[in-house]
Amino acid sequence: MAARSLFASRVRRNKARGFTLIELLVVLAILTMLAGLVGPKVLGQLGGAKAKTAAVQIADIDKSLELFKLDVGRFPTTEEGLDALVKKPGSANAWNGPYLKGGVPTDPWGNPYRYANNGGAIEILSLGADGAAGGEGENADIRNR
C-alpha cells in the first residue's frame, strides 16, 4: 500500500508541473491581443521620432552654415551646396572647416538634405518619408524655417 501511495504522489507532482494546451492557447491569445493594441502605437511613435531627428539634424546644419558665414562672409552658394561645410570651396579663402564632423548627414529616411541659397535666404529641406514634395504626417516636408 505504501508503494501505491508513493506512485500516486509522484503522478500528481508530474501533472502539476506542466501546462495544459488550453492554458497555453489562452496565454497566446492574450499576448496577441496586447501586441495588436500596443504595436500600432509604438510604430506610430517611430515615425514621429524620425521627423524629430530630421528637425534636429536640420538645426545642426543651420548652425554649421552660420559658422561658415562668420568665417567666409557669406553662405555657400546653391552650387557649392552643403559639401562646402566639409570640403573647402575654391572661392572661400577664410574657410576654417570642416564645420560638420563626419560629413553631411542624410535624413532619417536615407535621402540627402536639399539646400538652396536664394540671395542670402537659405533653405535646408528634407522631403520626408515619401521623398516627394508636400505630404502630411510622416510624409510632410521638414524645413529650417
Protein backbone atom coordinates (compact mmCIF):
# COMPACT_ATOMS: atom_id res chain seq x y z
CA MET A 1 0.00 0.00 0.00
CA ALA A 2 2.88 2.34 0.72
CA ALA A 3 4.25 1.77 -2.78
CA ARG A 4 0.90 2.67 -4.30
CA SER A 5 0.62 5.99 -2.41
CA LEU A 6 4.22 6.87 -3.32
CA PHE A 7 3.43 6.26 -7.01
CA ALA A 8 0.22 8.33 -6.78
CA SER A 9 2.04 11.29 -5.21
CA ARG A 10 4.68 11.23 -7.98
CA VAL A 11 1.97 11.21 -10.66
CA ARG A 12 0.25 14.20 -9.01
CA ARG A 13 3.55 16.13 -8.82
CA ASN A 14 4.32 15.50 -12.51
CA LYS A 15 0.83 16.66 -13.54
CA ALA A 16 1.18 19.86 -11.51
CA ARG A 17 4.41 20.80 -13.29
CA GLY A 18 3.06 21.17 -16.86
CA PHE A 19 0.57 23.43 -18.59
CA THR A 20 -2.42 22.21 -20.50
CA LEU A 21 -2.95 23.05 -24.15
CA ILE A 22 -5.90 25.26 -23.27
CA GLU A 23 -3.81 27.29 -20.80
CA LEU A 24 -1.12 27.84 -23.43
CA LEU A 25 -3.71 28.92 -26.04
CA VAL A 26 -5.26 31.40 -23.59
CA VAL A 27 -1.84 32.95 -22.88
CA LEU A 28 -1.05 33.18 -26.61
CA ALA A 29 -4.43 34.82 -27.27
CA ILE A 30 -3.79 37.42 -24.56
CA LEU A 31 -0.30 38.17 -25.91
CA THR A 32 -1.68 38.51 -29.45
CA MET A 33 -4.33 40.99 -28.28
CA LEU A 34 -1.72 43.03 -26.40
CA ALA A 35 0.55 43.12 -29.46
CA GLY A 36 -2.41 44.23 -31.59
CA LEU A 37 -3.16 47.10 -29.23
CA VAL A 38 0.37 48.26 -28.44
CA GLY A 39 2.12 47.59 -31.79
CA PRO A 40 0.48 50.34 -33.86
CA LYS A 41 1.12 52.94 -31.16
CA VAL A 42 4.82 52.01 -30.98
CA LEU A 43 5.18 52.12 -34.77
CA GLY A 44 3.42 55.50 -34.84
CA GLN A 45 5.94 56.87 -32.36
CA LEU A 46 8.80 55.60 -34.51
CA GLY A 47 7.63 57.74 -37.44
CA GLY A 48 7.39 60.81 -35.20
CA ALA A 49 10.88 60.15 -33.91
CA LYS A 50 12.29 60.20 -37.43
CA ALA A 51 10.67 63.56 -38.15
CA LYS A 52 12.10 64.95 -34.89
CA THR A 53 15.53 63.57 -35.77
CA ALA A 54 15.36 65.31 -39.16
CA ALA A 55 14.42 68.60 -37.47
CA VAL A 56 17.39 68.30 -35.09
CA GLN A 57 19.79 67.49 -37.93
CA ILE A 58 18.50 70.45 -39.94
CA ALA A 59 19.06 72.72 -36.94
CA ASP A 60 22.66 71.42 -36.63
CA ILE A 61 23.29 72.02 -40.34
CA ASP A 62 21.80 75.52 -39.98
CA LYS A 63 24.22 76.31 -37.12
CA SER A 64 27.14 74.99 -39.18
CA LEU A 65 26.09 77.26 -42.04
CA GLU A 66 26.13 80.23 -39.65
CA LEU A 67 29.70 79.35 -38.63
CA PHE A 68 30.65 79.11 -42.31
CA LYS A 69 29.16 82.56 -42.86
CA LEU A 70 31.08 84.02 -39.91
CA ASP A 71 34.38 82.76 -41.34
CA VAL A 72 33.84 83.24 -45.08
CA GLY A 73 31.44 86.20 -45.01
CA ARG A 74 28.67 84.50 -46.95
CA PHE A 75 26.61 81.32 -47.06
CA PRO A 76 27.62 78.62 -49.54
CA THR A 77 26.07 79.04 -52.95
CA THR A 78 23.44 76.58 -54.13
CA GLU A 79 26.05 75.08 -56.47
CA GLU A 80 28.57 74.59 -53.63
CA GLY A 81 25.83 73.05 -51.53
CA LEU A 82 26.23 71.51 -48.11
CA ASP A 83 29.53 69.92 -49.19
CA ALA A 84 31.08 73.35 -48.59
CA LEU A 85 30.72 72.60 -44.87
CA VAL A 86 33.04 69.60 -45.23
CA LYS A 87 35.37 70.46 -48.16
CA LYS A 88 36.81 73.90 -48.84
CA PRO A 89 35.24 75.55 -51.88
CA GLY A 90 37.71 77.25 -54.21
CA SER A 91 36.24 80.71 -53.62
CA ALA A 92 36.25 80.55 -49.79
CA ASN A 93 39.63 81.92 -48.71
CA ALA A 94 38.89 82.23 -44.98
CA TRP A 95 37.33 78.74 -44.74
CA ASN A 96 38.12 77.26 -41.32
CA GLY A 97 36.29 73.93 -41.53
CA PRO A 98 35.20 71.28 -41.61
CA TYR A 99 32.07 72.61 -39.98
CA LEU A 100 30.33 69.22 -39.82
CA LYS A 101 32.23 66.31 -38.31
CA GLY A 102 31.57 63.03 -40.04
CA GLY A 103 30.36 64.60 -43.26
CA VAL A 104 26.98 65.85 -44.36
CA PRO A 105 24.32 63.55 -42.87
CA THR A 106 21.44 62.07 -44.80
CA ASP A 107 17.92 62.41 -43.46
CA PRO A 108 16.49 59.57 -41.33
CA TRP A 109 14.95 58.02 -44.47
CA GLY A 110 18.34 57.83 -46.23
CA ASN A 111 17.83 60.76 -48.61
CA PRO A 112 20.22 63.73 -48.92
CA TYR A 113 19.12 67.05 -47.47
CA ARG A 114 18.34 69.66 -50.10
CA TYR A 115 19.99 73.07 -49.85
CA ALA A 116 19.26 76.31 -51.65
CA ASN A 117 20.70 79.81 -51.24
CA ASN A 118 18.27 82.35 -52.64
CA GLY A 119 20.13 85.63 -52.27
CA GLY A 120 21.15 85.04 -48.66
CA ALA A 121 17.93 83.32 -47.59
CA ILE A 122 18.98 79.73 -47.09
CA GLU A 123 16.70 76.72 -47.11
CA ILE A 124 17.50 73.23 -45.84
CA LEU A 125 14.87 70.67 -46.70
CA SER A 126 14.03 67.02 -46.12
CA LEU A 127 11.19 65.64 -48.23
CA GLY A 128 10.03 63.25 -45.52
CA ALA A 129 9.37 59.53 -45.74
CA ASP A 130 7.91 59.55 -49.26
CA GLY A 131 10.79 61.55 -50.79
CA ALA A 132 8.30 63.77 -52.65
CA ALA A 133 7.36 67.41 -52.13
CA GLY A 134 4.39 68.10 -49.87
CA GLY A 135 2.62 65.43 -47.91
CA GLU A 136 1.16 65.03 -44.46
CA GLY A 137 2.24 63.28 -41.31
CA GLU A 138 5.44 61.30 -41.79
CA ASN A 139 5.48 62.28 -45.49
CA ALA A 140 5.50 66.02 -44.70
CA ASP A 141 8.45 68.17 -45.73
CA ILE A 142 10.72 69.38 -42.92
CA ARG A 143 12.46 72.79 -43.31
CA ASN A 144 14.79 75.01 -41.35
CA ARG A 145 12.42 77.98 -41.48
